[in-house]
Amino acid sequence: MTDSISLMAAGEIRDALAAVARGDLPTVAHALMSIDPDSWRAVERRLATLGSSLPDLVRAAQGEQAE
């Protein structure tokens, strides 16, 4: 098990956050479901280290949309 996030997963996260900002929920779901399990665990661990989570990140992106 590694703590690395694949380039593909990083792109999917970027796409998911951009889709959140557009309000495009089907694209959000597709992007997040495309992340491989090892990268998903690495993302969760890194966000937890920062005291955050993916849902927190999505909520923050939604807040930016409202501004």
Protein backbone atom coordinates (compact mmCIF):
# COMPACT_ATOMS: atom_id res chain seq x y z
CA MET A 1 0.00 0.00 0.00
CA THR A 2 1.39 3.41 -0.96
CA ASP A 3 0.48 6.94 -0.04
CA SER A 4 0.59 8.21 -3.59
CA ILE A 5 -2.25 9.66 -5.59
CA SER A 6 -2.17 8.74 -9.26
CA LEU A 7 -2.14 11.52 -11.84
CA MET A 8 -5.44 10.16 -13.14
CA ALA A 9 -7.02 10.42 -9.67
CA ALA A 10 -5.70 13.96 -9.22
CA GLY A 11 -7.32 14.90 -12.52
CA GLU A 12 -10.58 13.25 -11.50
CA ILE A 13 -10.61 15.22 -8.23
CA ARG A 14 -9.96 18.44 -10.14
CA ASP A 15 -12.78 17.59 -12.55
CA ALA A 16 -15.12 16.74 -9.66
CA LEU A 17 -14.46 20.05 -7.90
CA ALA A 18 -14.93 21.98 -11.15
CA ALA A 19 -18.22 20.13 -11.72
CA VAL A 20 -19.35 20.98 -8.18
CA ALA A 21 -18.74 24.64 -8.95
CA ARG A 22 -20.92 24.28 -12.08
CA GLY A 23 -23.60 22.35 -10.23
CA ASP A 24 -23.08 19.35 -12.54
CA LEU A 25 -23.80 16.50 -10.10
CA PRO A 26 -23.67 13.62 -12.64
CA THR A 27 -20.12 14.67 -13.58
CA VAL A 28 -19.19 14.95 -9.90
CA ALA A 29 -20.39 11.40 -9.28
CA HIS A 30 -18.63 10.05 -12.38
CA ALA A 31 -15.33 11.72 -11.52
CA LEU A 32 -15.33 10.53 -7.91
CA MET A 33 -16.33 6.99 -8.87
CA SER A 34 -13.43 6.88 -11.34
CA ILE A 35 -10.78 7.23 -8.63
CA ASP A 36 -8.84 4.02 -7.98
CA PRO A 37 -9.02 2.59 -4.44
CA ASP A 38 -5.34 3.18 -3.55
CA SER A 39 -5.51 6.82 -4.60
CA TRP A 40 -8.83 7.22 -2.78
CA ARG A 41 -7.25 6.01 0.48
CA ALA A 42 -4.25 8.30 -0.05
CA VAL A 43 -6.55 11.30 -0.60
CA GLU A 44 -8.53 10.46 2.54
CA ARG A 45 -5.33 10.12 4.60
CA ARG A 46 -3.90 13.41 3.34
CA LEU A 47 -7.11 15.31 3.95
CA ALA A 48 -7.42 13.77 7.43
CA THR A 49 -3.88 14.93 8.20
CA LEU A 50 -5.05 18.43 7.35
CA GLY A 51 -8.13 17.99 9.54
CA SER A 52 -10.47 17.81 6.58
CA SER A 53 -12.32 15.34 4.37
CA LEU A 54 -13.52 15.08 0.79
CA PRO A 55 -17.07 16.13 1.77
CA ASP A 56 -15.54 19.24 3.43
CA LEU A 57 -13.64 19.98 0.23
CA VAL A 58 -16.81 19.61 -1.86
CA ARG A 59 -18.73 21.90 0.52
CA ALA A 60 -15.97 24.49 0.20
CA ALA A 61 -16.19 24.28 -3.59
CA GLN A 62 -19.96 24.76 -3.37
CA GLY A 63 -19.41 27.84 -1.23
CA GLU A 64 -17.13 29.32 -3.88
CA GLN A 65 -19.91 28.81 -6.43
CA ALA A 66 -22.31 30.93 -4.36
CA GLU A 67 -19.92 33.89 -4.20
